[in-house]
N, C-alpha and C. Protein backbone atom coordinates (compact mmCIF):
# COMPACT_ATOMS: atom_id res chain seq x y z
N MET A 1 111.93 -173.52 66.56
CA MET A 1 111.62 -172.12 66.53
C MET A 1 112.89 -171.33 66.83
N LYS A 2 113.16 -170.38 65.99
CA LYS A 2 114.36 -169.58 66.15
C LYS A 2 114.12 -168.47 67.17
N ARG A 3 115.07 -168.24 68.03
CA ARG A 3 114.97 -167.18 69.03
C ARG A 3 116.11 -166.19 68.82
N ALA A 4 115.79 -164.94 68.74
CA ALA A 4 116.81 -163.91 68.59
C ALA A 4 116.93 -163.16 69.91
N THR A 5 118.03 -162.56 70.14
CA THR A 5 118.21 -161.77 71.35
C THR A 5 117.59 -160.39 71.16
N ILE A 6 117.34 -159.71 72.23
CA ILE A 6 116.78 -158.37 72.17
C ILE A 6 117.71 -157.45 71.38
N GLY A 7 119.01 -157.58 71.58
CA GLY A 7 119.96 -156.76 70.83
C GLY A 7 119.85 -157.02 69.34
N ALA A 8 119.70 -158.27 68.96
CA ALA A 8 119.53 -158.59 67.54
C ALA A 8 118.22 -158.03 67.02
N ALA A 9 117.20 -158.04 67.85
CA ALA A 9 115.91 -157.48 67.43
C ALA A 9 116.04 -155.98 67.16
N ALA A 10 116.76 -155.28 68.03
CA ALA A 10 116.93 -153.85 67.82
C ALA A 10 117.69 -153.58 66.53
N LEU A 11 118.76 -154.36 66.29
CA LEU A 11 119.52 -154.22 65.04
C LEU A 11 118.63 -154.54 63.85
N ALA A 12 117.86 -155.60 63.96
CA ALA A 12 116.99 -156.02 62.87
C ALA A 12 115.97 -154.94 62.56
N LEU A 13 115.40 -154.31 63.57
CA LEU A 13 114.43 -153.25 63.32
C LEU A 13 115.08 -152.06 62.65
N THR A 14 116.33 -151.80 62.97
CA THR A 14 117.06 -150.73 62.29
C THR A 14 117.20 -151.05 60.81
N LEU A 15 117.46 -152.31 60.49
CA LEU A 15 117.61 -152.73 59.10
C LEU A 15 116.28 -152.81 58.36
N THR A 16 115.18 -152.83 59.08
CA THR A 16 113.87 -152.97 58.46
C THR A 16 113.61 -151.86 57.45
N GLY A 17 113.96 -150.65 57.78
CA GLY A 17 113.78 -149.56 56.83
C GLY A 17 112.42 -148.92 56.94
N CYS A 18 111.39 -149.66 57.24
CA CYS A 18 110.04 -149.12 57.32
C CYS A 18 109.59 -148.99 58.76
N SER A 19 110.38 -149.43 59.72
CA SER A 19 109.96 -149.35 61.10
C SER A 19 110.03 -147.91 61.57
N THR A 20 109.25 -147.61 62.58
CA THR A 20 109.21 -146.25 63.08
C THR A 20 110.47 -145.93 63.85
N ALA A 21 110.86 -144.69 63.80
CA ALA A 21 112.04 -144.26 64.54
C ALA A 21 111.76 -144.39 66.02
N GLY A 22 112.78 -144.80 66.74
CA GLY A 22 112.65 -144.87 68.18
C GLY A 22 111.98 -146.14 68.68
N SER A 23 111.69 -147.10 67.82
CA SER A 23 111.12 -148.33 68.33
C SER A 23 112.20 -149.06 69.10
N ASP A 24 111.95 -149.30 70.38
CA ASP A 24 112.96 -149.84 71.27
C ASP A 24 112.38 -151.03 72.01
N SER A 25 113.04 -152.15 71.90
CA SER A 25 112.61 -153.36 72.59
C SER A 25 113.46 -153.54 73.83
N THR A 26 112.81 -153.65 74.97
CA THR A 26 113.55 -153.93 76.19
C THR A 26 112.92 -155.13 76.87
N ALA A 27 113.76 -155.93 77.48
CA ALA A 27 113.26 -157.13 78.14
C ALA A 27 112.85 -156.78 79.56
N SER A 28 111.54 -156.73 79.82
CA SER A 28 111.08 -156.48 81.18
C SER A 28 110.23 -157.64 81.66
N GLY A 29 110.34 -158.74 81.01
CA GLY A 29 109.59 -159.91 81.42
C GLY A 29 109.37 -160.83 80.24
N GLU A 30 109.32 -162.10 80.50
CA GLU A 30 109.12 -163.12 79.48
C GLU A 30 107.67 -163.55 79.52
N ALA A 31 106.98 -163.37 78.45
CA ALA A 31 105.62 -163.87 78.34
C ALA A 31 105.64 -165.00 77.32
N SER A 32 104.74 -165.89 77.48
CA SER A 32 104.69 -166.99 76.53
C SER A 32 104.24 -166.46 75.16
N GLN A 33 104.57 -167.22 74.16
CA GLN A 33 104.16 -166.86 72.80
C GLN A 33 102.65 -166.69 72.71
N GLU A 34 101.92 -167.58 73.34
CA GLU A 34 100.46 -167.51 73.30
C GLU A 34 99.94 -166.23 73.95
N GLU A 35 100.53 -165.86 75.08
CA GLU A 35 100.12 -164.62 75.76
C GLU A 35 100.42 -163.40 74.89
N PHE A 36 101.59 -163.41 74.27
CA PHE A 36 101.98 -162.31 73.39
C PHE A 36 100.98 -162.17 72.25
N LEU A 37 100.70 -163.27 71.56
CA LEU A 37 99.78 -163.23 70.42
C LEU A 37 98.38 -162.81 70.86
N ALA A 38 97.92 -163.30 71.99
CA ALA A 38 96.60 -162.92 72.50
C ALA A 38 96.55 -161.43 72.83
N ALA A 39 97.63 -160.91 73.39
CA ALA A 39 97.68 -159.49 73.74
C ALA A 39 97.55 -158.58 72.52
N HIS A 40 97.90 -159.12 71.34
CA HIS A 40 97.84 -158.33 70.10
C HIS A 40 96.74 -158.84 69.16
N ASP A 41 95.78 -159.58 69.72
CA ASP A 41 94.63 -160.11 68.96
C ASP A 41 95.07 -160.96 67.78
N LEU A 42 96.12 -161.75 67.95
CA LEU A 42 96.64 -162.62 66.90
C LEU A 42 96.53 -164.10 67.28
N ASP A 43 95.92 -164.39 68.42
CA ASP A 43 95.82 -165.77 68.86
C ASP A 43 94.94 -166.58 67.91
N GLY A 44 95.27 -167.84 67.78
CA GLY A 44 94.53 -168.73 66.90
C GLY A 44 94.96 -168.67 65.45
N MET A 45 95.93 -167.83 65.12
CA MET A 45 96.41 -167.71 63.75
C MET A 45 97.78 -168.37 63.62
N ASP A 46 98.05 -168.99 62.47
CA ASP A 46 99.39 -169.46 62.20
C ASP A 46 100.21 -168.30 61.63
N THR A 47 101.48 -168.52 61.37
CA THR A 47 102.36 -167.44 60.90
C THR A 47 101.85 -166.81 59.62
N ALA A 48 101.46 -167.64 58.64
CA ALA A 48 100.94 -167.10 57.38
C ALA A 48 99.68 -166.28 57.61
N GLY A 49 98.83 -166.73 58.50
CA GLY A 49 97.60 -165.99 58.81
C GLY A 49 97.88 -164.65 59.47
N ILE A 50 98.88 -164.62 60.37
CA ILE A 50 99.26 -163.36 61.02
C ILE A 50 99.78 -162.38 59.99
N ILE A 51 100.66 -162.84 59.10
CA ILE A 51 101.22 -161.96 58.07
C ILE A 51 100.12 -161.42 57.18
N ASP A 52 99.25 -162.30 56.71
CA ASP A 52 98.15 -161.87 55.85
C ASP A 52 97.25 -160.86 56.56
N HIS A 53 96.92 -161.15 57.80
CA HIS A 53 96.05 -160.25 58.58
C HIS A 53 96.69 -158.87 58.77
N LEU A 54 97.95 -158.85 59.23
CA LEU A 54 98.59 -157.57 59.53
C LEU A 54 98.84 -156.74 58.27
N ASP A 55 99.16 -157.38 57.14
CA ASP A 55 99.40 -156.63 55.91
C ASP A 55 98.11 -156.00 55.39
N ARG A 56 96.96 -156.62 55.70
CA ARG A 56 95.67 -156.13 55.21
C ARG A 56 94.97 -155.13 56.14
N VAL A 57 95.47 -154.95 57.34
CA VAL A 57 94.83 -154.03 58.28
C VAL A 57 94.85 -152.62 57.69
N ASP A 58 93.71 -151.93 57.73
CA ASP A 58 93.66 -150.55 57.27
C ASP A 58 94.69 -149.73 58.05
N VAL A 59 95.33 -148.80 57.37
CA VAL A 59 96.38 -147.99 57.97
C VAL A 59 95.89 -147.29 59.23
N ALA A 60 94.69 -146.75 59.21
CA ALA A 60 94.15 -146.02 60.36
C ALA A 60 93.91 -146.93 61.56
N GLU A 61 93.84 -148.24 61.34
CA GLU A 61 93.56 -149.18 62.42
C GLU A 61 94.80 -149.97 62.86
N ARG A 62 95.97 -149.63 62.35
CA ARG A 62 97.19 -150.34 62.72
C ARG A 62 97.53 -150.14 64.19
N SER A 63 98.09 -151.19 64.77
CA SER A 63 98.57 -151.12 66.13
C SER A 63 99.75 -150.16 66.21
N THR A 64 99.80 -149.38 67.26
CA THR A 64 100.91 -148.45 67.44
C THR A 64 101.99 -149.03 68.35
N ASP A 65 101.72 -150.19 68.96
CA ASP A 65 102.72 -150.76 69.87
C ASP A 65 103.24 -152.12 69.42
N LEU A 66 102.97 -152.51 68.19
CA LEU A 66 103.46 -153.77 67.66
C LEU A 66 104.25 -153.52 66.39
N ILE A 67 105.45 -154.08 66.32
CA ILE A 67 106.26 -154.06 65.11
C ILE A 67 106.34 -155.49 64.62
N ALA A 68 106.00 -155.70 63.35
CA ALA A 68 106.02 -157.04 62.76
C ALA A 68 106.88 -156.98 61.50
N SER A 69 108.01 -157.66 61.53
CA SER A 69 108.99 -157.60 60.45
C SER A 69 109.14 -158.97 59.80
N VAL A 70 108.93 -159.03 58.48
CA VAL A 70 109.03 -160.29 57.74
C VAL A 70 110.46 -160.47 57.25
N ARG A 71 111.06 -161.59 57.61
CA ARG A 71 112.40 -161.98 57.17
C ARG A 71 112.25 -163.11 56.16
N PRO A 72 113.31 -163.52 55.49
CA PRO A 72 113.19 -164.59 54.50
C PRO A 72 112.64 -165.90 55.06
N ASP A 73 112.88 -166.18 56.36
CA ASP A 73 112.42 -167.45 56.90
C ASP A 73 111.69 -167.34 58.24
N GLU A 74 111.41 -166.11 58.70
CA GLU A 74 110.73 -165.94 59.97
C GLU A 74 110.01 -164.60 60.05
N LEU A 75 109.09 -164.53 61.00
CA LEU A 75 108.37 -163.31 61.32
C LEU A 75 108.79 -162.87 62.71
N LEU A 76 109.31 -161.66 62.84
CA LEU A 76 109.74 -161.11 64.12
C LEU A 76 108.67 -160.14 64.60
N LEU A 77 108.07 -160.45 65.75
CA LEU A 77 107.05 -159.60 66.36
C LEU A 77 107.62 -159.02 67.64
N THR A 78 107.56 -157.70 67.79
CA THR A 78 108.07 -157.06 69.01
C THR A 78 107.09 -155.99 69.46
N ASP A 79 107.07 -155.79 70.77
CA ASP A 79 106.35 -154.64 71.34
C ASP A 79 107.29 -153.98 72.33
N ASN A 80 106.79 -153.16 73.21
CA ASN A 80 107.67 -152.43 74.13
C ASN A 80 108.45 -153.33 75.08
N ASN A 81 107.95 -154.53 75.33
CA ASN A 81 108.56 -155.38 76.35
C ASN A 81 109.03 -156.75 75.86
N ARG A 82 108.48 -157.22 74.77
CA ARG A 82 108.70 -158.61 74.43
C ARG A 82 108.93 -158.79 72.94
N GLU A 83 109.36 -159.98 72.60
CA GLU A 83 109.48 -160.36 71.20
C GLU A 83 109.08 -161.82 71.03
N VAL A 84 108.57 -162.11 69.85
CA VAL A 84 108.25 -163.48 69.47
C VAL A 84 108.76 -163.67 68.05
N VAL A 85 109.40 -164.80 67.80
CA VAL A 85 109.89 -165.12 66.47
C VAL A 85 109.17 -166.38 66.01
N LEU A 86 108.49 -166.28 64.86
CA LEU A 86 107.74 -167.40 64.31
C LEU A 86 108.33 -167.81 62.97
N ASP A 87 108.48 -169.10 62.77
CA ASP A 87 109.00 -169.60 61.50
C ASP A 87 107.95 -169.44 60.41
N LEU A 88 108.42 -169.10 59.20
CA LEU A 88 107.53 -169.08 58.04
C LEU A 88 107.25 -170.53 57.62
N PRO A 89 106.19 -170.73 56.84
CA PRO A 89 105.96 -172.08 56.33
C PRO A 89 107.19 -172.59 55.59
N GLU A 90 107.44 -173.89 55.70
CA GLU A 90 108.63 -174.49 55.11
C GLU A 90 108.67 -174.25 53.61
N ASN A 91 109.86 -173.85 53.14
CA ASN A 91 110.13 -173.62 51.71
C ASN A 91 109.29 -172.50 51.10
N GLN A 92 108.82 -171.57 51.93
CA GLN A 92 108.04 -170.44 51.44
C GLN A 92 108.61 -169.14 52.01
N THR A 93 108.56 -168.08 51.21
CA THR A 93 108.97 -166.75 51.63
C THR A 93 107.89 -165.77 51.21
N TYR A 94 107.62 -164.79 52.08
CA TYR A 94 106.62 -163.77 51.79
C TYR A 94 107.34 -162.54 51.26
N VAL A 95 106.95 -162.10 50.07
CA VAL A 95 107.54 -160.92 49.46
C VAL A 95 106.44 -159.90 49.25
N SER A 96 106.66 -158.70 49.77
CA SER A 96 105.68 -157.64 49.67
C SER A 96 106.19 -156.57 48.70
N ILE A 97 105.32 -156.12 47.82
CA ILE A 97 105.70 -155.24 46.71
C ILE A 97 104.88 -153.95 46.80
N ALA A 98 105.57 -152.82 46.72
CA ALA A 98 104.91 -151.51 46.70
C ALA A 98 105.31 -150.76 45.44
N PRO A 99 104.61 -150.99 44.33
CA PRO A 99 104.93 -150.23 43.12
C PRO A 99 104.63 -148.75 43.35
N TYR A 100 105.31 -147.89 42.59
CA TYR A 100 105.07 -146.46 42.78
C TYR A 100 105.22 -145.71 41.47
N VAL A 101 104.59 -144.53 41.43
CA VAL A 101 104.71 -143.62 40.29
C VAL A 101 105.58 -142.43 40.68
N ASN A 102 105.31 -141.84 41.84
CA ASN A 102 106.00 -140.60 42.24
C ASN A 102 106.92 -140.71 43.44
N GLN A 103 106.56 -141.52 44.45
CA GLN A 103 107.39 -141.54 45.65
C GLN A 103 107.45 -142.94 46.24
N THR A 104 108.59 -143.22 46.87
CA THR A 104 108.82 -144.51 47.51
C THR A 104 109.68 -144.29 48.74
N HIS A 105 110.12 -145.37 49.35
CA HIS A 105 111.00 -145.31 50.51
C HIS A 105 111.93 -146.52 50.46
N ASP A 106 113.07 -146.41 51.13
CA ASP A 106 114.00 -147.54 51.21
C ASP A 106 113.45 -148.57 52.20
N CYS A 107 113.58 -149.82 51.83
CA CYS A 107 113.09 -150.89 52.69
C CYS A 107 113.79 -152.17 52.30
N PHE A 108 114.05 -153.05 53.26
CA PHE A 108 114.63 -154.35 52.97
C PHE A 108 113.75 -155.47 53.54
N TYR A 109 113.46 -155.40 54.86
CA TYR A 109 112.54 -156.34 55.48
C TYR A 109 111.19 -155.64 55.67
N HIS A 110 110.16 -156.23 55.10
CA HIS A 110 108.84 -155.59 55.14
C HIS A 110 108.30 -155.52 56.56
N SER A 111 107.91 -154.33 56.97
CA SER A 111 107.24 -154.13 58.24
C SER A 111 105.74 -154.10 57.99
N LEU A 112 105.06 -155.08 58.54
CA LEU A 112 103.61 -155.21 58.34
C LEU A 112 102.84 -154.11 59.07
N THR A 113 103.47 -153.44 60.01
CA THR A 113 102.76 -152.46 60.83
C THR A 113 103.21 -151.02 60.60
N THR A 114 104.28 -150.80 59.83
CA THR A 114 104.73 -149.42 59.62
C THR A 114 104.98 -149.04 58.17
N CYS A 115 105.20 -149.99 57.28
CA CYS A 115 105.49 -149.66 55.88
C CYS A 115 104.27 -149.04 55.20
N LEU A 116 104.53 -148.01 54.39
CA LEU A 116 103.48 -147.37 53.60
C LEU A 116 103.96 -147.16 52.17
N GLY A 117 103.19 -147.65 51.22
CA GLY A 117 103.47 -147.43 49.81
C GLY A 117 102.54 -146.36 49.25
N GLU A 118 102.83 -145.92 48.06
CA GLU A 118 102.09 -144.82 47.43
C GLU A 118 100.69 -145.22 46.95
N LEU A 119 100.54 -146.44 46.44
CA LEU A 119 99.32 -146.82 45.72
C LEU A 119 98.42 -147.72 46.56
N GLY A 120 97.77 -147.17 47.56
CA GLY A 120 96.86 -147.94 48.41
C GLY A 120 95.52 -148.16 47.74
N ASN A 121 95.01 -149.37 47.83
CA ASN A 121 93.68 -149.73 47.32
C ASN A 121 93.53 -149.48 45.82
N GLU A 122 94.56 -149.81 45.06
CA GLU A 122 94.55 -149.62 43.61
C GLU A 122 94.61 -150.97 42.89
N ASN A 123 93.94 -151.06 41.75
CA ASN A 123 93.97 -152.27 40.93
C ASN A 123 95.23 -152.27 40.07
N ILE A 124 96.00 -153.35 40.18
CA ILE A 124 97.24 -153.49 39.41
C ILE A 124 97.29 -154.91 38.84
N HIS A 125 98.10 -155.10 37.81
CA HIS A 125 98.35 -156.44 37.30
C HIS A 125 99.78 -156.82 37.63
N VAL A 126 99.97 -158.00 38.25
CA VAL A 126 101.29 -158.45 38.70
C VAL A 126 101.65 -159.75 37.98
N THR A 127 102.86 -159.77 37.42
CA THR A 127 103.42 -160.99 36.85
C THR A 127 104.77 -161.23 37.54
N ILE A 128 104.92 -162.40 38.13
CA ILE A 128 106.18 -162.77 38.78
C ILE A 128 106.71 -164.00 38.07
N THR A 129 107.96 -163.90 37.60
CA THR A 129 108.56 -164.97 36.79
C THR A 129 109.81 -165.51 37.45
N ASP A 130 109.91 -166.82 37.52
CA ASP A 130 111.09 -167.51 38.03
C ASP A 130 112.20 -167.36 37.00
N GLY A 131 113.33 -166.75 37.39
CA GLY A 131 114.42 -166.49 36.46
C GLY A 131 115.12 -167.74 35.96
N ALA A 132 115.13 -168.80 36.74
CA ALA A 132 115.82 -170.03 36.34
C ALA A 132 115.01 -170.87 35.36
N THR A 133 113.69 -170.92 35.56
CA THR A 133 112.85 -171.80 34.75
C THR A 133 111.99 -171.07 33.73
N GLY A 134 111.80 -169.77 33.93
CA GLY A 134 110.90 -169.01 33.08
C GLY A 134 109.43 -169.20 33.44
N GLU A 135 109.17 -170.00 34.47
CA GLU A 135 107.79 -170.26 34.90
C GLU A 135 107.17 -169.00 35.52
N GLN A 136 105.92 -168.71 35.15
CA GLN A 136 105.20 -167.61 35.78
C GLN A 136 104.62 -168.10 37.09
N LEU A 137 105.12 -167.55 38.19
CA LEU A 137 104.65 -167.91 39.51
C LEU A 137 103.35 -167.20 39.85
N VAL A 138 103.19 -165.98 39.30
CA VAL A 138 102.00 -165.17 39.52
C VAL A 138 101.68 -164.46 38.22
N ASP A 139 100.40 -164.42 37.87
CA ASP A 139 99.90 -163.65 36.73
C ASP A 139 98.48 -163.27 37.07
N GLU A 140 98.32 -162.18 37.85
CA GLU A 140 97.03 -161.84 38.44
C GLU A 140 96.73 -160.35 38.41
N GLN A 141 95.46 -160.04 38.31
CA GLN A 141 94.94 -158.71 38.56
C GLN A 141 94.61 -158.68 40.05
N VAL A 142 95.20 -157.76 40.81
CA VAL A 142 95.00 -157.70 42.26
C VAL A 142 94.75 -156.26 42.69
N THR A 143 94.28 -156.09 43.90
CA THR A 143 94.11 -154.77 44.50
C THR A 143 95.11 -154.64 45.63
N THR A 144 95.90 -153.57 45.61
CA THR A 144 96.87 -153.36 46.69
C THR A 144 96.13 -153.15 48.00
N PHE A 145 96.80 -153.50 49.08
CA PHE A 145 96.24 -153.29 50.41
C PHE A 145 96.21 -151.79 50.71
N ASP A 146 95.55 -151.42 51.79
CA ASP A 146 95.45 -150.02 52.19
C ASP A 146 96.83 -149.40 52.40
N ASN A 147 97.82 -150.22 52.77
CA ASN A 147 99.18 -149.72 53.01
C ASN A 147 99.99 -149.53 51.72
N GLY A 148 99.38 -149.80 50.55
CA GLY A 148 100.07 -149.60 49.27
C GLY A 148 100.89 -150.79 48.82
N PHE A 149 100.85 -151.88 49.55
CA PHE A 149 101.60 -153.09 49.23
C PHE A 149 100.67 -154.20 48.76
N ILE A 150 101.26 -155.18 48.12
CA ILE A 150 100.59 -156.44 47.83
C ILE A 150 101.62 -157.53 48.11
N GLY A 151 101.21 -158.59 48.79
CA GLY A 151 102.16 -159.62 49.19
C GLY A 151 101.87 -160.95 48.52
N PHE A 152 102.95 -161.70 48.29
CA PHE A 152 102.84 -163.02 47.66
C PHE A 152 103.74 -164.01 48.39
N TRP A 153 103.23 -165.23 48.56
CA TRP A 153 104.04 -166.34 49.06
C TRP A 153 104.72 -166.97 47.87
N MET A 154 106.04 -167.08 47.95
CA MET A 154 106.81 -167.64 46.84
C MET A 154 107.76 -168.72 47.35
N PRO A 155 108.18 -169.61 46.45
CA PRO A 155 109.12 -170.65 46.86
C PRO A 155 110.45 -170.04 47.33
N SER A 156 111.00 -170.60 48.40
CA SER A 156 112.31 -170.16 48.88
C SER A 156 113.38 -170.46 47.84
N ASP A 157 114.47 -169.74 47.92
CA ASP A 157 115.64 -169.94 47.05
C ASP A 157 115.31 -169.76 45.57
N THR A 158 114.49 -168.76 45.28
CA THR A 158 114.11 -168.44 43.91
C THR A 158 114.52 -167.01 43.61
N THR A 159 114.96 -166.76 42.39
CA THR A 159 115.22 -165.41 41.93
C THR A 159 114.46 -165.21 40.63
N GLY A 160 114.13 -163.97 40.33
CA GLY A 160 113.40 -163.70 39.11
C GLY A 160 113.02 -162.25 39.00
N THR A 161 111.91 -162.00 38.30
CA THR A 161 111.46 -160.63 38.07
C THR A 161 109.99 -160.46 38.45
N VAL A 162 109.68 -159.23 38.84
CA VAL A 162 108.31 -158.82 39.12
C VAL A 162 107.98 -157.72 38.13
N GLU A 163 106.86 -157.86 37.42
CA GLU A 163 106.39 -156.81 36.51
C GLU A 163 105.01 -156.39 36.96
N VAL A 164 104.79 -155.07 37.02
CA VAL A 164 103.50 -154.53 37.43
C VAL A 164 103.02 -153.56 36.37
N SER A 165 101.72 -153.63 36.07
CA SER A 165 101.06 -152.68 35.17
C SER A 165 99.96 -151.98 35.95
N TYR A 166 99.83 -150.66 35.72
CA TYR A 166 98.84 -149.85 36.45
C TYR A 166 98.50 -148.63 35.62
N GLN A 167 97.26 -148.53 35.19
CA GLN A 167 96.75 -147.36 34.46
C GLN A 167 97.70 -146.88 33.36
N GLY A 168 98.15 -147.80 32.52
CA GLY A 168 99.02 -147.45 31.41
C GLY A 168 100.49 -147.35 31.75
N HIS A 169 100.84 -147.50 33.00
CA HIS A 169 102.24 -147.47 33.46
C HIS A 169 102.69 -148.91 33.69
N THR A 170 103.97 -149.18 33.45
CA THR A 170 104.53 -150.49 33.76
C THR A 170 105.90 -150.32 34.41
N GLY A 171 106.31 -151.34 35.14
CA GLY A 171 107.62 -151.34 35.76
C GLY A 171 108.04 -152.76 36.08
N THR A 172 109.35 -152.95 36.20
CA THR A 172 109.91 -154.26 36.49
C THR A 172 111.03 -154.13 37.50
N THR A 173 111.16 -155.13 38.37
CA THR A 173 112.27 -155.20 39.31
C THR A 173 112.61 -156.66 39.54
N GLY A 174 113.81 -156.89 40.05
CA GLY A 174 114.21 -158.25 40.40
C GLY A 174 113.83 -158.58 41.82
N PHE A 175 113.79 -159.88 42.13
CA PHE A 175 113.54 -160.34 43.49
C PHE A 175 114.38 -161.58 43.75
N SER A 176 114.58 -161.85 45.04
CA SER A 176 115.27 -163.06 45.46
C SER A 176 114.67 -163.53 46.77
N THR A 177 114.34 -164.81 46.85
CA THR A 177 113.84 -165.37 48.10
C THR A 177 114.90 -166.23 48.78
N THR A 178 116.16 -165.92 48.50
CA THR A 178 117.26 -166.58 49.20
C THR A 178 117.37 -165.98 50.60
N ASP A 179 118.25 -166.53 51.42
CA ASP A 179 118.43 -166.01 52.79
C ASP A 179 118.88 -164.55 52.80
N GLU A 180 119.51 -164.09 51.72
CA GLU A 180 119.99 -162.70 51.65
C GLU A 180 118.99 -161.80 50.93
N GLY A 181 117.85 -162.32 50.53
CA GLY A 181 116.88 -161.56 49.74
C GLY A 181 116.03 -160.62 50.57
N ALA A 182 115.58 -159.56 49.93
CA ALA A 182 114.68 -158.59 50.55
C ALA A 182 113.25 -159.13 50.55
N THR A 183 112.51 -158.84 51.59
CA THR A 183 111.09 -159.20 51.64
C THR A 183 110.21 -158.00 51.34
N CYS A 184 110.83 -156.86 51.07
CA CYS A 184 110.13 -155.60 50.84
C CYS A 184 110.68 -154.98 49.56
N LEU A 185 109.88 -154.98 48.50
CA LEU A 185 110.32 -154.42 47.22
C LEU A 185 109.65 -153.06 47.02
N THR A 186 110.45 -152.01 47.13
CA THR A 186 109.92 -150.65 46.99
C THR A 186 110.61 -149.90 45.84
N ASP A 187 111.33 -150.64 44.99
CA ASP A 187 112.07 -150.01 43.90
C ASP A 187 111.41 -150.23 42.54
N LEU A 188 110.14 -150.62 42.52
CA LEU A 188 109.45 -150.91 41.27
C LEU A 188 108.71 -149.65 40.81
N ARG A 189 109.40 -148.84 40.01
CA ARG A 189 108.82 -147.58 39.52
C ARG A 189 108.01 -147.84 38.27
N LEU A 190 106.81 -147.27 38.25
CA LEU A 190 105.91 -147.40 37.12
C LEU A 190 106.05 -146.18 36.23
N THR A 191 106.45 -146.40 34.95
CA THR A 191 106.65 -145.28 34.03
C THR A 191 105.74 -145.41 32.82
């Protein structure tokens, strides 16, 4: 399990792009991972389950004291006092996509608790293609979460394209699940 310092967590939250302004992590005590997860009603879930749960929470019901940031190989959870870093499933990366028609925001690491996209609870068609092999990794009709995003687990170290269709509009963007890749795609404009 990877452990980051509080200073790195603060820097990482700054890079998140979707995190709330003023989110500040200070070390005022070490709690076990289990205690931390229980305090945020996440106990009994593995990393993939936590990510899926937090991305699907209705916006009005989101926690105001938990920041959850998805990185290419880990999930960083922080609150006012503590942090927990959980490894993603081996050889898998979670990529969250927020297609838009009129407005978007800059984002690099998806924040499961603060990011908001334009098209919440909308039916879209998503095709994700591996650029090296041409294989379609995803070809599905899906409904975006209340936060305007839709997330997919994809193989690590893959690059390719994401295409979305919505009510006669289409758009395409690139993605990368390498260590330098973004987990938050907010540049997919539908025209």
